[in-house]
Protein backbone atom coordinates (compact mmCIF):
# COMPACT_ATOMS: atom_id res chain seq x y z
CA MET A 1 -43.10 37.00 -42.00
CA GLU A 2 -47.14 36.32 -41.44
CA GLU A 3 -49.38 38.63 -41.05
CA SER A 4 -50.33 38.30 -37.61
CA PHE A 5 -47.81 39.21 -35.85
CA LYS A 6 -46.56 41.58 -33.07
CA VAL A 7 -43.75 43.79 -32.27
CA ALA A 8 -43.10 43.91 -28.70
CA ILE A 9 -40.21 46.58 -26.86
CA ILE A 10 -38.72 45.45 -23.61
CA THR A 11 -37.19 47.19 -21.68
CA GLY A 12 -35.23 46.12 -18.60
CA ALA A 13 -34.25 42.48 -20.89
CA SER A 14 -30.90 41.88 -20.02
CA SER A 15 -32.05 40.07 -16.49
CA GLY A 16 -34.61 38.91 -14.42
CA ILE A 17 -38.38 39.38 -15.26
CA GLY A 18 -37.56 41.33 -18.54
CA GLU A 19 -35.41 37.93 -19.68
CA GLY A 20 -38.40 35.97 -19.32
CA VAL A 21 -40.89 38.20 -20.46
CA ALA A 22 -38.83 38.44 -23.96
CA TYR A 23 -38.64 34.55 -24.09
CA GLU A 24 -41.96 33.91 -23.28
CA LEU A 25 -43.27 36.62 -26.39
CA ASP A 26 -40.22 34.86 -28.34
CA ALA A 27 -42.02 31.23 -28.22
CA ILE A 28 -45.23 32.33 -29.47
CA GLY A 29 -43.69 34.77 -32.46
CA ILE A 30 -43.45 38.07 -31.34
CA ARG A 31 -40.83 40.11 -32.81
CA LEU A 32 -38.88 41.81 -30.14
CA VAL A 33 -36.65 44.38 -29.96
CA LEU A 34 -34.65 44.15 -26.22
CA THR A 35 -32.87 47.79 -24.29
CA SER A 36 -30.84 47.79 -21.38
CA ARG A 37 -27.79 49.00 -20.09
CA ARG A 38 -26.14 45.34 -21.01
CA GLU A 39 -25.30 45.39 -24.41
CA ASN A 40 -22.90 42.03 -24.34
CA ARG A 41 -26.20 40.56 -22.06
CA LEU A 42 -28.78 41.62 -24.96
CA LYS A 43 -25.99 39.93 -27.66
CA VAL A 44 -26.35 36.82 -25.50
CA LEU A 45 -29.60 36.93 -25.73
CA CYS A 46 -31.22 37.80 -29.34
CA ASP A 47 -28.72 35.16 -30.13
CA LYS A 48 -31.42 32.30 -28.00
CA LEU A 49 -33.90 33.80 -29.47
CA LYS A 50 -35.95 33.37 -33.17
CA ASN A 51 -36.80 37.30 -33.93
CA ALA A 52 -35.42 39.87 -31.88
CA VAL A 53 -32.89 42.80 -32.06
CA TYR A 54 -31.23 45.06 -29.61
CA LEU A 55 -30.85 48.79 -28.42
CA ALA A 56 -28.57 48.79 -25.65
CA GLY A 57 -29.17 52.14 -23.80
CA ASP A 58 -29.44 53.97 -20.56
CA ILE A 59 -33.13 54.08 -20.14
CA LYS A 60 -32.57 57.62 -18.23
CA ASP A 61 -31.39 59.02 -21.61
CA GLU A 62 -34.48 61.10 -22.56
CA ALA A 63 -34.37 60.19 -25.94
CA LEU A 64 -34.29 56.42 -25.75
CA PRO A 65 -38.01 55.93 -25.83
CA SER A 66 -38.15 57.22 -29.23
CA GLN A 67 -35.03 55.53 -30.31
CA LEU A 68 -36.38 51.74 -29.43
CA VAL A 69 -39.55 52.91 -31.57
CA LYS A 70 -37.51 53.81 -34.45
CA LYS A 71 -36.16 50.61 -33.91
CA ALA A 72 -38.95 48.55 -33.60
CA LEU A 73 -40.21 50.61 -36.80
CA ASP A 74 -37.10 50.10 -38.56
CA SER A 75 -36.88 46.33 -37.50
CA TYR A 76 -40.42 44.91 -38.26
CA GLY A 77 -42.33 48.23 -39.83
CA ARG A 78 -44.31 48.21 -37.02
CA PHE A 79 -44.61 48.40 -33.05
CA ASP A 80 -47.30 46.98 -30.72
CA ILE A 81 -46.66 45.65 -27.52
CA LEU A 82 -45.06 47.96 -24.79
CA PHE A 83 -43.55 46.02 -21.49
CA ASN A 84 -42.21 48.75 -19.43
CA GLY A 85 -40.16 46.71 -17.23
CA ALA A 86 -36.87 48.44 -16.58
CA GLY A 87 -36.62 49.22 -12.67
CA VAL A 88 -34.28 49.51 -9.34
CA MET A 89 -34.74 48.61 -6.00
CA HIS A 90 -33.16 50.15 -2.71
CA ALA A 91 -34.17 50.41 1.13
CA GLY A 92 -32.57 50.86 3.75
CA THR A 93 -33.78 52.61 7.61
CA ILE A 94 -33.45 56.82 7.97
CA GLU A 95 -29.92 56.46 9.55
CA LYS A 96 -28.37 54.75 6.57
CA ILE A 97 -30.89 55.50 3.59
CA ASP A 98 -28.42 57.53 0.62
CA ILE A 99 -30.48 60.35 -0.19
CA ASP A 100 -29.96 60.80 -3.55
CA LEU A 101 -29.65 56.86 -4.25
CA MET A 102 -33.33 56.86 -3.01
CA CYS A 103 -33.73 60.22 -6.29
CA GLU A 104 -32.40 57.85 -8.34
CA MET A 105 -34.17 55.17 -7.97
CA ALA A 106 -37.69 57.19 -8.14
CA ARG A 107 -36.12 59.02 -11.16
CA VAL A 108 -35.48 55.13 -12.88
CA ASN A 109 -38.54 53.79 -11.71
CA PHE A 110 -41.43 56.45 -12.45
CA GLU A 111 -39.68 59.35 -14.73
CA VAL A 112 -38.24 56.66 -17.03
CA THR A 113 -42.05 54.88 -16.99
CA ILE A 114 -43.38 57.66 -18.02
CA ARG A 115 -41.31 58.54 -21.08
CA MET A 116 -41.16 55.45 -22.58
CA ALA A 117 -45.52 54.91 -21.96
CA TYR A 118 -46.30 58.33 -23.44
CA THR A 119 -43.81 57.71 -26.57
CA ALA A 120 -45.46 54.55 -26.90
CA LEU A 121 -49.07 55.93 -26.58
CA LYS A 122 -48.59 58.22 -29.40
CA HIS A 123 -47.19 55.61 -32.09
CA PHE A 124 -50.63 53.12 -30.71
CA LYS A 125 -52.87 56.50 -31.04
CA ILE A 126 -51.64 57.05 -34.35
CA ALA A 127 -52.71 53.27 -34.71
CA ASN A 128 -55.89 52.96 -32.87
CA SER A 129 -54.06 49.54 -31.27
CA GLY A 130 -51.37 48.91 -28.79
CA PHE A 131 -50.66 47.13 -25.71
CA LEU A 132 -48.89 49.05 -22.73
CA ILE A 133 -47.36 46.82 -19.64
CA ASN A 134 -46.28 48.40 -16.79
CA VAL A 135 -44.49 47.16 -13.83
CA SER A 136 -45.67 47.61 -10.68
CA SER A 137 -44.78 45.59 -7.52
CA ILE A 138 -47.09 43.80 -4.13
CA LEU A 139 -45.05 47.69 -2.87
CA GLY A 140 -47.45 49.38 -5.60
CA THR A 141 -50.59 48.48 -3.51
CA LYS A 142 -48.93 48.05 0.47
CA VAL A 143 -45.74 49.85 1.78
CA ARG A 144 -42.86 47.89 4.60
CA PRO A 145 -41.02 50.43 6.96
CA SER A 146 -38.11 51.62 5.18
CA THR A 147 -39.48 50.73 1.63
CA GLY A 148 -40.98 53.80 1.73
CA VAL A 149 -39.20 55.40 -1.23
CA TYR A 150 -39.62 52.35 -3.30
CA ALA A 151 -43.33 51.53 -2.66
CA GLY A 152 -43.86 55.30 -3.43
CA SER A 153 -42.35 54.92 -6.94
CA LYS A 154 -44.88 52.08 -7.62
CA PHE A 155 -47.54 53.99 -6.62
CA ALA A 156 -46.99 56.51 -9.01
CA ILE A 157 -47.49 53.94 -11.48
CA GLU A 158 -50.17 52.32 -10.76
CA ALA A 159 -52.15 55.76 -10.12
CA PHE A 160 -50.02 56.77 -14.05
CA SER A 161 -51.49 53.93 -15.63
CA GLU A 162 -55.19 53.76 -14.36
CA ALA A 163 -55.36 57.62 -15.63
CA ILE A 164 -54.36 56.71 -18.73
CA ARG A 165 -56.17 53.93 -18.89
CA MET A 166 -59.33 55.39 -18.66
CA GLU A 167 -58.36 57.82 -21.40
CA VAL A 168 -57.56 55.44 -23.92
CA ALA A 169 -61.18 53.35 -22.89
CA GLY A 170 -63.61 53.16 -25.92
CA THR A 171 -60.22 52.42 -28.09
CA ASN A 172 -58.10 49.18 -29.38
CA ILE A 173 -55.23 50.86 -26.50
CA ARG A 174 -55.12 48.14 -23.65
CA VAL A 175 -52.85 49.17 -20.62
CA SER A 176 -52.28 45.92 -18.23
CA VAL A 177 -50.95 46.86 -14.67
CA ILE A 178 -48.36 43.67 -13.13
CA GLU A 179 -47.79 43.52 -9.39
CA PRO A 180 -44.95 40.42 -8.71
CA GLY A 181 -44.82 39.66 -5.50
CA VAL A 182 -41.60 38.36 -4.36
CA THR A 183 -39.71 37.34 -7.92
CA ILE A 184 -35.84 35.47 -8.36
CA SER A 185 -33.72 37.96 -10.17
CA GLU A 186 -30.93 40.84 -9.60
CA LEU A 187 -33.20 43.60 -8.00
CA GLN A 188 -32.39 42.48 -4.14
CA ASP A 189 -29.16 40.87 -4.45
CA HIS A 190 -27.50 43.51 -2.74
CA PHE A 191 -29.74 43.37 0.19
CA GLU A 192 -27.88 42.31 3.62
CA VAL A 193 -31.50 40.51 3.32
CA HIS A 194 -33.30 38.96 1.22
CA PRO A 195 -37.52 39.96 1.19
CA ALA A 196 -37.81 35.72 0.18
CA LYS A 197 -35.66 35.09 3.95
CA LEU A 198 -37.18 38.45 5.77
CA LEU A 199 -40.49 36.84 4.86
CA GLY A 200 -40.00 33.67 5.34
CA ILE A 201 -40.44 32.88 1.28
CA GLU A 202 -38.51 29.20 1.03
CA LYS A 203 -40.23 29.20 -2.60
CA SER A 204 -40.03 32.28 -4.47
CA LEU A 205 -41.86 33.55 -8.37
CA ASN A 206 -39.39 32.75 -11.17
CA PRO A 207 -39.49 35.60 -14.26
CA SER A 208 -41.12 32.75 -16.47
CA ASP A 209 -44.71 33.11 -13.90
CA ILE A 210 -44.52 36.86 -14.67
CA ALA A 211 -43.70 35.71 -18.07
CA ARG A 212 -46.75 33.79 -18.40
CA ALA A 213 -49.77 36.25 -17.01
CA VAL A 214 -48.02 39.11 -19.42
CA ARG A 215 -48.75 35.94 -22.29
CA PHE A 216 -52.47 35.68 -20.49
CA ILE A 217 -53.28 39.70 -20.89
CA LEU A 218 -52.33 39.55 -24.45
CA GLU A 219 -54.36 37.16 -25.52
CA GLN A 220 -57.20 37.76 -24.30
CA PRO A 221 -59.70 38.27 -27.03
CA ASP A 222 -60.39 42.18 -28.28
CA HIS A 223 -63.13 43.16 -25.67
CA VAL A 224 -62.02 42.33 -23.01
CA ARG A 225 -59.11 44.80 -20.68
CA ILE A 226 -57.07 43.25 -17.56
CA PRO A 227 -56.61 46.12 -15.75
CA VAL A 228 -54.48 44.98 -12.99
CA MET A 229 -52.93 41.41 -12.29
CA MET A 230 -50.90 40.89 -8.61
CA ILE A 231 -48.42 37.70 -8.84
CA LEU A 232 -48.10 36.10 -5.63
CA PRO A 233 -45.49 32.65 -4.50
CA GLY A 234 -48.24 30.87 -2.52
CA GLU A 235 -46.11 31.40 0.91
CA GLN A 236 -46.28 35.54 0.68
CA ALA A 237 -49.04 37.20 3.31
CA LEU A 238 -47.68 39.97 2.77
């Protein structure tokens, strides 16, 4: 292995944006540790990549973040990048909403993010180097009716990420948030009306579009920080 290689952990790697980021980072020589619940998909994905291993598990498992860092260190001897991509999306009106499902979403989208982030940051602080990229949403900056809990979880990620960015300012640790607009993924497949149709969007973003933005963040010079990056389809007005 060349001395300049880096190692990334990608959560939510078995589909959508996480999978797209895996392909993009693998293409530029970054070694990968992938995780999601769906082991069969992770195995298929790893077989398509040049330098990737996986650890399947439920992201809500409090032990998983430390296990992922250990997997990176055992497999490659280092850990440099966390792409915190795991998340779910549910929405609904007051009359139809499943309260337990909303609370579960809040846990997955925010509690899981902070557990994984702090575990990575403790490692980065010791190394005095690292990239933390948290996935928010355009709904981390505004709301729509029936999406309050999802938006709230993403607003929370925005606040958390900004506080962490301020805490590590002046170090070699970089913290970024990406805010995707409507993107082709499985996240909204269960909706009765897909957000793209609701917003009149014929050409949604592809996961590869988000992945190129992630690569852009990672390839900036050492003195550059990109705290927030929003990526939208050209048709998306909201």
